C-alpha cells in the first residue's frame, strides 16, 4: 500500500504540473482545472491508504462535510461572488495546514527536532497569517468591512514590529521546542498580523492580496508536507506558493507598483492634491443615440470591469456582441490584467457567457486598435481606463498601463452613478468631449441597447 500511495502521489504531482501549465492560456484553462482536480482526487486516495491511518470515522466525516460545503459554494454562489469564494478557499486551506501544525506540536512538542520544528513553525506562522488575511480580504470584498484603507499613526511600524516579534519566537522555538506557551503565542500573533496586514490595503488592490494569500497558503502547505513527510503536499504547496508569488509580481507590474507599495502604501486613501482636476461636465447620453452609433460602426470594443460582475451582465454583453457581429461589425473585448477583484476575473465571467477566446484581447494587443475603433463601451471599469495614469505624473496611478479607450472615436461609459470607484480617484475620461455616460444597471442598459440596435 505504501508503494501504491507514493505512485498516486507521483501521478498527482505530474497532473498538478501539467494542470498549472494548461492554466497559462484561456484555450486550455478548463482542461488544466480538470487535470488538477483529478490529481487532487488521486492525492486524496493515496493518503487514505497510508498505514498511519488507524480509524476513518473523522476522515469520512470531514470528506462528506467538505464535499457538501464545496458543492454548495460552487453551485449556488453567484459568479459575482467568485472573489469572495476564492478568499474563503484560501482561508480554509490555510486553516487546515495550521490545524495540522498545531496538532503535530501538541502530540510531539519537546520531542521535535530542529528541522521538523522549523517546518512546523513556518507552517503555522504563514498559515495563521493567511487565514485571517484571507478572511479580511473576504470581508472587504463583500463590503462587510469598508474597502478604503483603514490606517492610523505608526501602523507600518507596529505591523513590522509584530512580524519581527513573531519571527523571533519562531527562531527561538527551533532551538527550544519545549516552550509550548511561546508556540501558542506565536500562533496568536500570526492570526493578529494577518488582520493588521490587510486592514490598510484598499479594495482596488485586492487582486494582488488574493494572489499573495494564495502564495502564503501554498507555502504553508509545503511546510506541512515537510513536517509530516508527505511528498505530494511538498510538491503541490511549492507549485502553489511560487506561482502565486509570481502572479502577484506580474500584477504589481501591470499596475506599475511594487509589492511593498501595495502592502504598505494604503492605496485608496487619495489626497485631492495628487489628482487632476477634471474640466467640464459628464455628458449623459441616451440608449437610442448609442444604439445608432454601434449599429453603424465598423469596430466596437467592449471594456469590462467589476461593474459587469456586479450587474451579472456577461450574458447581456455577449448577446449584444453577437447581434453587432451579425450586422457586420467587428467586435472585440479588451481585458486589463487587474480588472475586477481577482486575477483573471473578467476572463472567467466572459468564458461563462461563452464569449470566444479569440475575441479577448490583452492590453498590449488592443491598445493600438483604439484609434481606429468607432465605439468603445466601458462597462463598470474605472481605474484601468483612467488617462491620468498616462498623462498626470503626480497621480497615484502614474505609469500604470491602461486601456487607452480615450483614443477611440466615441467612448460610452456604463455606470450606476457618478462615484469614483474602488481607488477613490477621479477619472478625467468621464469628462472628455468624446465620452458619453449611460447611467443605470449595466445588465439593463446592455439589454436595452440590444433591443435598440435591432430596431436601428
Protein backbone atom coordinates (compact mmCIF):
# COMPACT_ATOMS: atom_id res chain seq x y z
CA UNK A 1 0.00 0.00 0.00
CA UNK A 2 2.92 2.35 0.69
CA UNK A 3 4.20 1.84 -2.86
CA UNK A 4 0.69 2.44 -4.22
CA UNK A 5 0.40 5.63 -2.16
CA UNK A 6 3.71 7.01 -3.43
CA UNK A 7 2.76 6.10 -7.01
CA UNK A 8 -0.51 8.02 -6.75
CA UNK A 9 1.43 10.95 -5.29
CA UNK A 10 3.80 10.89 -8.25
CA UNK A 11 0.97 10.81 -10.80
CA UNK A 12 -0.89 13.53 -8.88
CA UNK A 13 2.19 15.76 -8.88
CA UNK A 14 2.61 15.33 -12.63
CA UNK A 15 -1.05 16.22 -13.14
CA UNK A 16 -0.62 19.34 -10.96
CA UNK A 17 2.31 20.48 -13.09
CA UNK A 18 0.51 19.89 -16.39
CA UNK A 19 -2.64 21.47 -14.97
CA UNK A 20 -0.73 24.60 -13.97
CA UNK A 21 0.88 24.74 -17.40
CA UNK A 22 -2.53 24.50 -19.08
CA UNK A 23 -3.84 27.41 -17.00
CA UNK A 24 -1.41 29.73 -18.80
CA UNK A 25 -3.78 30.07 -21.77
CA UNK A 26 -7.58 30.53 -21.88
CA UNK A 27 -7.99 27.84 -24.55
CA UNK A 28 -6.56 25.16 -22.28
CA UNK A 29 -7.56 26.53 -18.86
CA UNK A 30 -10.61 24.29 -18.48
CA UNK A 31 -8.52 21.20 -19.23
CA UNK A 32 -5.93 22.41 -16.74
CA UNK A 33 -8.53 22.69 -14.00
CA UNK A 34 -9.77 19.17 -14.73
CA UNK A 35 -6.24 17.76 -14.66
CA UNK A 36 -5.50 19.46 -11.34
CA UNK A 37 -8.83 18.29 -9.85
CA UNK A 38 -8.14 14.70 -10.91
CA UNK A 39 -4.65 14.99 -9.45
CA UNK A 40 -6.13 16.11 -6.15
CA UNK A 41 -8.51 13.13 -6.20
CA UNK A 42 -5.55 10.78 -6.66
CA UNK A 43 -3.68 12.54 -3.84
CA UNK A 44 -6.64 12.01 -1.51
CA UNK A 45 -6.89 8.34 -2.48
CA UNK A 46 -3.17 7.89 -1.94
CA UNK A 47 -3.45 9.45 1.50
CA UNK A 48 -6.42 7.31 2.54
CA UNK A 49 -4.48 4.07 2.04
CA UNK A 50 -1.43 5.08 4.08
CA UNK A 51 -0.60 2.85 7.03
CA UNK A 52 -0.57 5.78 9.50
CA UNK A 53 -4.36 5.92 9.41
CA UNK A 54 -5.89 3.95 12.30
CA UNK A 55 -9.57 4.98 12.12
CA UNK A 56 -11.55 6.50 9.28
CA UNK A 57 -14.63 7.89 11.08
CA UNK A 58 -13.42 11.50 11.37
CA UNK A 59 -11.80 11.40 7.95
CA UNK A 60 -15.02 10.27 6.28
CA UNK A 61 -17.00 12.88 8.22
CA UNK A 62 -14.58 15.57 7.07
CA UNK A 63 -14.77 14.39 3.46
CA UNK A 64 -18.56 14.47 3.49
CA UNK A 65 -18.76 17.86 5.20
CA UNK A 66 -16.12 19.40 2.96
CA UNK A 67 -17.74 18.00 -0.17
CA UNK A 68 -21.16 19.36 0.81
CA UNK A 69 -19.76 22.82 1.57
CA UNK A 70 -17.67 22.88 -1.61
CA UNK A 71 -20.57 21.72 -3.80
CA UNK A 72 -22.90 24.31 -2.27
CA UNK A 73 -20.38 27.10 -2.86
CA UNK A 74 -19.79 26.00 -6.45
CA UNK A 75 -23.45 25.54 -7.37
CA UNK A 76 -25.24 28.37 -5.60
CA UNK A 77 -22.64 31.08 -5.14
CA UNK A 78 -23.08 33.61 -7.99
CA UNK A 79 -20.24 34.50 -10.33
CA UNK A 80 -20.22 38.00 -8.86
CA UNK A 81 -19.14 36.46 -5.55
CA UNK A 82 -16.27 34.46 -7.10
CA UNK A 83 -13.58 36.69 -5.48
CA UNK A 84 -15.16 36.19 -2.06
CA UNK A 85 -15.40 32.43 -2.65
CA UNK A 86 -11.73 32.31 -3.62
CA UNK A 87 -10.75 34.24 -0.49
CA UNK A 88 -12.71 31.77 1.64
CA UNK A 89 -11.00 28.84 -0.11
CA UNK A 90 -7.60 30.31 0.73
CA UNK A 91 -8.70 30.73 4.35
CA UNK A 92 -9.96 27.13 4.57
CA UNK A 93 -6.79 25.69 3.03
CA UNK A 94 -4.54 27.70 5.32
CA UNK A 95 -6.67 26.78 8.35
CA UNK A 96 -6.26 23.09 7.52
CA UNK A 97 -2.47 23.49 7.35
CA UNK A 98 -2.41 25.49 10.60
CA UNK A 99 -4.51 22.92 12.46
CA UNK A 100 -2.26 20.09 11.28
CA UNK A 101 0.75 22.03 12.56
CA UNK A 102 -0.87 22.70 15.93
CA UNK A 103 -1.87 19.03 16.20
CA UNK A 104 1.66 17.83 15.42
CA UNK A 105 3.14 20.17 18.03
CA UNK A 106 0.54 19.15 20.62
CA UNK A 107 1.36 15.46 20.05
CA UNK A 108 5.16 15.69 19.95
CA UNK A 109 6.16 19.08 21.43
CA UNK A 110 9.61 18.87 23.03
CA UNK A 111 10.48 15.73 21.04
CA UNK A 112 10.61 17.65 17.77
CA UNK A 113 13.96 18.02 16.05
CA UNK A 114 15.24 21.31 14.67
CA UNK A 115 14.25 20.51 11.07
CA UNK A 116 10.73 19.39 11.91
CA UNK A 117 10.22 22.34 14.27
CA UNK A 118 11.38 24.72 11.53
CA UNK A 119 8.84 23.29 9.09
CA UNK A 120 6.12 23.26 11.76
CA UNK A 121 6.78 26.85 12.84
CA UNK A 122 6.82 28.10 9.25
CA UNK A 123 3.61 26.20 8.60
CA UNK A 124 1.58 27.64 11.48
CA UNK A 125 3.04 31.14 11.15
CA UNK A 126 2.25 31.61 7.46
CA UNK A 127 -0.90 29.52 7.77
CA UNK A 128 -2.22 31.77 10.54
CA UNK A 129 -1.39 34.93 8.57
CA UNK A 130 -3.21 33.53 5.56
CA UNK A 131 -6.33 32.50 7.50
CA UNK A 132 -7.10 35.92 8.95
CA UNK A 133 -5.66 37.81 5.99
CA UNK A 134 -7.95 35.93 3.62
CA UNK A 135 -10.93 36.45 5.92
CA UNK A 136 -10.18 40.19 5.96
CA UNK A 137 -10.00 40.15 2.15
CA UNK A 138 -13.34 38.33 2.11
CA UNK A 139 -14.84 40.97 4.40
CA UNK A 140 -13.56 43.83 2.24
CA UNK A 141 -14.70 42.20 -0.99
CA UNK A 142 -18.13 41.54 0.49
CA UNK A 143 -18.44 45.08 1.90
CA UNK A 144 -18.57 43.71 5.44
CA UNK A 145 -15.59 45.99 6.12
CA UNK A 146 -15.18 49.26 4.22
CA UNK A 147 -13.00 48.87 1.17
CA UNK A 148 -10.95 52.03 1.63
CA UNK A 149 -7.71 51.67 3.63
CA UNK A 150 -8.11 51.74 7.41
CA UNK A 151 -4.99 53.45 8.72
CA UNK A 152 -3.65 55.01 11.90
CA UNK A 153 -0.44 56.66 13.03
CA UNK A 154 2.52 54.31 13.35
CA UNK A 155 0.67 51.46 11.66
CA UNK A 156 3.52 50.18 9.49
CA UNK A 157 5.96 50.30 12.43
CA UNK A 158 3.51 48.36 14.61
CA UNK A 159 2.89 45.77 11.90
CA UNK A 160 6.58 45.20 11.20
CA UNK A 161 7.37 45.05 14.94
CA UNK A 162 4.70 42.39 15.39
CA UNK A 163 6.07 40.38 12.48
CA UNK A 164 9.65 40.63 13.77
CA UNK A 165 8.49 39.53 17.23
CA UNK A 166 6.61 36.58 15.73
CA UNK A 167 9.65 35.60 13.66
CA UNK A 168 11.90 35.88 16.74
CA UNK A 169 9.65 33.49 18.67
CA UNK A 170 9.74 31.13 15.67
CA UNK A 171 13.56 31.13 15.67
CA UNK A 172 13.70 30.58 19.44
CA UNK A 173 11.35 27.59 19.18
CA UNK A 174 13.68 25.91 16.69
CA UNK A 175 16.27 25.61 19.46
CA UNK A 176 13.87 25.28 22.40
CA UNK A 177 10.78 23.46 21.07
CA UNK A 178 9.58 22.66 24.60
CA UNK A 179 8.48 26.29 25.19
CA UNK A 180 4.86 25.47 24.39
CA UNK A 181 3.39 28.76 25.65
CA UNK A 182 5.59 30.61 23.14
CA UNK A 183 4.37 28.34 20.35
CA UNK A 184 0.73 29.19 21.00
CA UNK A 185 1.63 32.87 21.44
CA UNK A 186 3.29 32.76 18.01
CA UNK A 187 0.11 31.29 16.52
CA UNK A 188 -1.96 34.07 18.10
CA UNK A 189 0.43 36.75 16.81
CA UNK A 190 0.24 35.23 13.29
CA UNK A 191 -3.56 35.43 13.33
CA UNK A 192 -3.40 39.04 14.52
CA UNK A 193 -0.79 40.01 11.92
CA UNK A 194 -2.99 38.66 9.12
CA UNK A 195 -5.75 41.09 10.13
CA UNK A 196 -3.40 44.06 10.52
CA UNK A 197 -1.67 43.29 7.21
CA UNK A 198 -4.82 43.54 5.07
CA UNK A 199 -6.56 46.27 7.08
CA UNK A 200 -4.69 49.19 5.43
CA UNK A 201 -4.96 47.77 1.91
CA UNK A 202 -7.68 49.25 -0.29
CA UNK A 203 -10.22 47.26 -2.29
CA UNK A 204 -8.53 48.32 -5.53
CA UNK A 205 -5.52 46.21 -4.52
CA UNK A 206 -7.48 43.11 -3.53
CA UNK A 207 -6.43 41.18 -6.69
CA UNK A 208 -2.80 41.35 -5.54
CA UNK A 209 -3.78 40.47 -1.95
CA UNK A 210 -5.70 37.44 -3.25
CA UNK A 211 -2.71 36.08 -5.16
CA UNK A 212 -0.40 36.77 -2.20
CA UNK A 213 -2.72 34.89 0.15
CA UNK A 214 -2.73 32.05 -2.39
CA UNK A 215 1.05 32.06 -2.27
CA UNK A 216 1.15 32.02 1.55
CA UNK A 217 -1.36 29.17 1.68
CA UNK A 218 0.76 27.17 -0.75
CA UNK A 219 3.95 27.74 1.24
CA UNK A 220 2.16 26.72 4.44
CA UNK A 221 1.01 23.52 2.72
CA UNK A 222 4.56 22.79 1.53
CA UNK A 223 5.82 23.25 5.09
CA UNK A 224 3.10 20.85 6.24
CA UNK A 225 4.47 18.30 3.80
CA UNK A 226 7.96 18.62 5.32
CA UNK A 227 6.55 18.41 8.84
CA UNK A 228 4.60 15.18 8.25
CA UNK A 229 6.81 13.74 5.46
CA UNK A 230 4.16 13.95 2.73
CA UNK A 231 5.69 14.34 -0.74
CA UNK A 232 2.58 15.43 -2.61
CA UNK A 233 1.99 18.28 -0.15
CA UNK A 234 5.57 19.45 -0.64
CA UNK A 235 5.23 19.48 -4.43
CA UNK A 236 1.71 20.89 -4.64
CA UNK A 237 2.37 23.52 -1.96
CA UNK A 238 5.57 24.66 -3.64
CA UNK A 239 3.84 24.94 -7.02
CA UNK A 240 1.01 26.91 -5.44
CA UNK A 241 3.28 29.12 -3.37
CA UNK A 242 5.68 30.18 -6.09
CA UNK A 243 3.08 30.51 -8.85
CA UNK A 244 1.01 32.72 -6.54
CA UNK A 245 4.04 34.87 -5.76
CA UNK A 246 4.96 35.20 -9.44
CA UNK A 247 1.36 36.16 -10.22
CA UNK A 248 1.50 38.83 -7.50
CA UNK A 249 4.67 40.29 -9.02
CA UNK A 250 3.14 40.29 -12.51
CA UNK A 251 0.00 42.03 -11.27
CA UNK A 252 2.07 44.68 -9.48
CA UNK A 253 3.97 45.18 -12.73
CA UNK A 254 0.65 45.60 -14.55
CA UNK A 255 -0.16 48.43 -12.10
CA UNK A 256 3.39 49.86 -12.24
CA UNK A 257 3.70 49.47 -8.48
CA UNK A 258 5.84 47.44 -6.10
CA UNK A 259 4.56 44.80 -3.69
CA UNK A 260 5.76 46.95 -0.79
CA UNK A 261 3.66 49.84 -2.09
CA UNK A 262 0.62 47.56 -2.30
CA UNK A 263 1.13 46.20 1.21
CA UNK A 264 2.18 49.41 2.97
CA UNK A 265 1.15 52.27 0.69
CA UNK A 266 -2.52 52.49 1.81
CA UNK A 267 -3.53 52.99 -1.81
CA UNK A 268 -7.06 54.31 -1.92
CA UNK A 269 -6.60 56.98 0.73
CA UNK A 270 -6.07 59.54 -2.00
CA UNK A 271 -5.33 63.17 -1.35
CA UNK A 272 -7.05 65.62 -3.66
CA UNK A 273 -3.74 67.38 -4.32
CA UNK A 274 -2.44 64.34 -6.20
CA UNK A 275 -5.40 64.03 -8.55
CA UNK A 276 -6.09 66.09 -11.64
CA UNK A 277 -8.97 68.48 -11.59
CA UNK A 278 -11.40 67.28 -14.23
CA UNK A 279 -12.65 70.03 -16.53
CA UNK A 280 -16.13 70.19 -17.97
CA UNK A 281 -19.13 68.09 -17.09
CA UNK A 282 -20.14 64.48 -17.53
CA UNK A 283 -22.33 64.26 -20.62
CA UNK A 284 -25.26 61.88 -20.32
CA UNK A 285 -26.35 60.03 -23.46
CA UNK A 286 -29.46 58.05 -24.36
CA UNK A 287 -29.95 54.45 -25.43
CA UNK A 288 -31.23 55.30 -28.91
CA UNK A 289 -28.23 57.50 -29.77
CA UNK A 290 -25.72 54.92 -28.56
CA UNK A 291 -27.52 52.13 -30.45
CA UNK A 292 -27.27 54.03 -33.75
CA UNK A 293 -23.55 54.68 -33.20
CA UNK A 294 -22.95 50.99 -32.53
CA UNK A 295 -25.20 49.63 -35.29
CA UNK A 296 -23.35 51.54 -37.99
CA UNK A 297 -19.84 51.24 -36.56
CA UNK A 298 -17.03 49.33 -38.21
CA UNK A 299 -15.45 48.25 -34.92
CA UNK A 300 -16.78 48.17 -31.36
CA UNK A 301 -14.60 47.30 -28.36
CA UNK A 302 -16.15 46.25 -25.03
CA UNK A 303 -14.09 47.00 -21.92
CA UNK A 304 -15.45 45.01 -18.94
CA UNK A 305 -14.82 46.00 -15.32
CA UNK A 306 -16.17 45.00 -11.94
CA UNK A 307 -19.46 46.72 -12.79
CA UNK A 308 -20.03 43.91 -15.31
CA UNK A 309 -19.70 41.37 -12.50
CA UNK A 310 -21.88 43.33 -10.09
CA UNK A 311 -24.71 43.51 -12.61
CA UNK A 312 -24.13 39.91 -13.82
CA UNK A 313 -24.16 41.36 -17.30
CA UNK A 314 -21.77 38.93 -19.01
CA UNK A 315 -24.55 37.19 -20.94
CA UNK A 316 -26.12 40.50 -21.94
CA UNK A 317 -22.85 41.80 -23.38
CA UNK A 318 -22.35 38.58 -25.35
CA UNK A 319 -25.86 38.86 -26.84
CA UNK A 320 -25.19 42.45 -27.87
CA UNK A 321 -21.80 41.46 -29.31
CA UNK A 322 -23.36 38.60 -31.31
CA UNK A 323 -26.02 40.96 -32.69
CA UNK A 324 -23.42 43.51 -33.78
CA UNK A 325 -21.33 40.82 -35.47
CA UNK A 326 -24.42 39.63 -37.36
CA UNK A 327 -24.64 43.18 -38.75
CA UNK A 328 -21.02 43.06 -39.94
CA UNK A 329 -19.49 44.98 -37.02
CA UNK A 330 -16.10 43.83 -35.76
CA UNK A 331 -16.43 43.16 -32.01
CA UNK A 332 -13.53 42.82 -29.59
CA UNK A 333 -13.22 42.55 -25.80
CA UNK A 334 -10.36 44.42 -24.13
CA UNK A 335 -9.08 42.72 -20.97
CA UNK A 336 -6.91 44.54 -18.43
CA UNK A 337 -4.89 42.14 -16.22
CA UNK A 338 -6.12 43.70 -12.96
CA UNK A 339 -9.72 44.47 -13.94
CA UNK A 340 -12.17 43.18 -11.34
CA UNK A 341 -11.42 41.90 -7.87
CA UNK A 342 -9.38 38.78 -8.54
CA UNK A 343 -6.79 37.65 -11.10
CA UNK A 344 -8.48 36.74 -14.39
CA UNK A 345 -11.89 37.88 -13.13
CA UNK A 346 -13.07 39.24 -16.49
CA UNK A 347 -11.85 36.18 -18.39
CA UNK A 348 -13.85 33.92 -16.05
CA UNK A 349 -17.05 35.95 -16.45
CA UNK A 350 -16.83 36.16 -20.24
CA UNK A 351 -15.95 32.48 -20.53
CA UNK A 352 -19.07 31.64 -18.52
CA UNK A 353 -21.08 33.57 -21.14
CA UNK A 354 -19.36 31.60 -23.96
CA UNK A 355 -17.59 34.63 -25.40
CA UNK A 356 -14.99 33.15 -27.81
CA UNK A 357 -11.43 33.28 -26.51
CA UNK A 358 -10.37 34.58 -29.90
CA UNK A 359 -12.37 37.75 -29.23
CA UNK A 360 -10.49 38.53 -26.00
CA UNK A 361 -7.55 40.90 -26.38
CA UNK A 362 -4.95 41.76 -23.77
CA UNK A 363 -3.83 45.31 -23.13
CA UNK A 364 -0.77 45.23 -25.40
CA UNK A 365 -2.82 43.74 -28.25
CA UNK A 366 -5.81 46.07 -28.13
CA UNK A 367 -4.28 49.49 -27.39
CA UNK A 368 -3.02 50.02 -30.96
CA UNK A 369 -6.61 49.35 -32.16
CA UNK A 370 -8.33 52.10 -30.19
CA UNK A 371 -7.53 54.96 -32.62
CA UNK A 372 -9.37 53.01 -35.34
CA UNK A 373 -12.25 52.00 -33.05
CA UNK A 374 -15.56 53.74 -33.67
CA UNK A 375 -17.16 52.98 -30.29
CA UNK A 376 -15.54 51.79 -27.04
CA UNK A 377 -18.05 50.57 -24.46
CA UNK A 378 -16.67 50.74 -20.90
CA UNK A 379 -18.78 48.55 -18.59
CA UNK A 380 -18.19 49.44 -14.97
CA UNK A 381 -14.42 49.95 -15.30
CA UNK A 382 -12.68 52.96 -13.78
CA UNK A 383 -9.00 52.91 -12.87
CA UNK A 384 -7.93 50.62 -15.72
CA UNK A 385 -9.15 53.23 -18.26
CA UNK A 386 -8.05 56.34 -16.35
CA UNK A 387 -5.87 58.53 -18.63
CA UNK A 388 -4.32 60.15 -15.55
CA UNK A 389 -2.06 57.10 -15.34
CA UNK A 390 -0.57 58.18 -18.65
CA UNK A 391 -0.91 61.97 -18.54
CA UNK A 392 -0.57 63.05 -14.89
CA UNK A 393 2.84 62.29 -13.32
CA UNK A 394 1.50 63.31 -9.89
CA UNK A 395 -1.32 60.77 -9.95
CA UNK A 396 -1.11 57.82 -7.52
CA UNK A 397 -1.50 55.52 -10.54
CA UNK A 398 1.05 57.35 -12.71
CA UNK A 399 2.79 54.90 -15.03
CA UNK A 400 0.16 52.18 -14.65
CA UNK A 401 -0.54 50.63 -18.06
CA UNK A 402 -4.14 51.40 -19.03
CA UNK A 403 -6.58 50.55 -21.79
CA UNK A 404 -6.40 53.72 -23.89
CA UNK A 405 -10.11 53.92 -24.66
CA UNK A 406 -9.97 57.72 -24.76
CA UNK A 407 -8.33 57.42 -28.19
CA UNK A 408 -11.45 55.82 -29.67
CA UNK A 409 -13.78 57.99 -31.77
CA UNK A 410 -16.60 57.65 -29.23
CA UNK A 411 -16.49 56.29 -25.68
CA UNK A 412 -19.64 55.17 -23.89
CA UNK A 413 -19.31 54.51 -20.15
CA UNK A 414 -21.94 52.29 -18.50
CA UNK A 415 -22.05 53.25 -14.85
CA UNK A 416 -24.51 53.16 -11.96
CA UNK A 417 -23.74 56.71 -10.86
CA UNK A 418 -21.03 59.32 -10.56
CA UNK A 419 -18.89 57.50 -7.99
CA UNK A 420 -15.11 57.28 -8.26
CA UNK A 421 -14.58 53.51 -8.00
CA UNK A 422 -12.51 51.44 -5.55
CA UNK A 423 -9.44 53.66 -5.53
CA UNK A 424 -11.33 56.91 -4.98
CA UNK A 425 -9.59 58.56 -7.96
CA UNK A 426 -11.36 60.99 -10.25
CA UNK A 427 -11.33 59.81 -13.87
CA UNK A 428 -10.84 62.58 -16.47
CA UNK A 429 -12.09 60.17 -19.15
CA UNK A 430 -15.66 60.75 -17.96
CA UNK A 431 -15.36 64.47 -18.71
CA UNK A 432 -13.84 64.26 -22.21
CA UNK A 433 -15.77 65.60 -25.21
CA UNK A 434 -15.88 62.19 -26.93
CA UNK A 435 -17.25 60.42 -23.84
CA UNK A 436 -20.90 59.81 -23.04
CA UNK A 437 -22.24 58.47 -19.74
CA UNK A 438 -25.02 55.89 -19.83
CA UNK A 439 -26.25 55.63 -16.24
CA UNK A 440 -28.07 52.65 -14.79
CA UNK A 441 -27.68 48.94 -14.16
CA UNK A 442 -25.23 47.53 -16.72
CA UNK A 443 -27.32 44.45 -17.49
CA UNK A 444 -30.48 46.50 -18.14
CA UNK A 445 -28.55 49.03 -20.21
CA UNK A 446 -26.98 46.32 -22.38
CA UNK A 447 -30.33 44.56 -22.85
CA UNK A 448 -31.94 47.86 -23.86
CA UNK A 449 -29.07 48.53 -26.25
CA UNK A 450 -29.57 45.12 -27.84
CA UNK A 451 -33.25 45.88 -28.41
CA UNK A 452 -32.46 49.35 -29.77
CA UNK A 453 -29.78 48.04 -32.15
CA UNK A 454 -32.32 45.54 -33.54
CA UNK A 455 -34.60 48.47 -34.33
CA UNK A 456 -31.88 50.65 -35.82
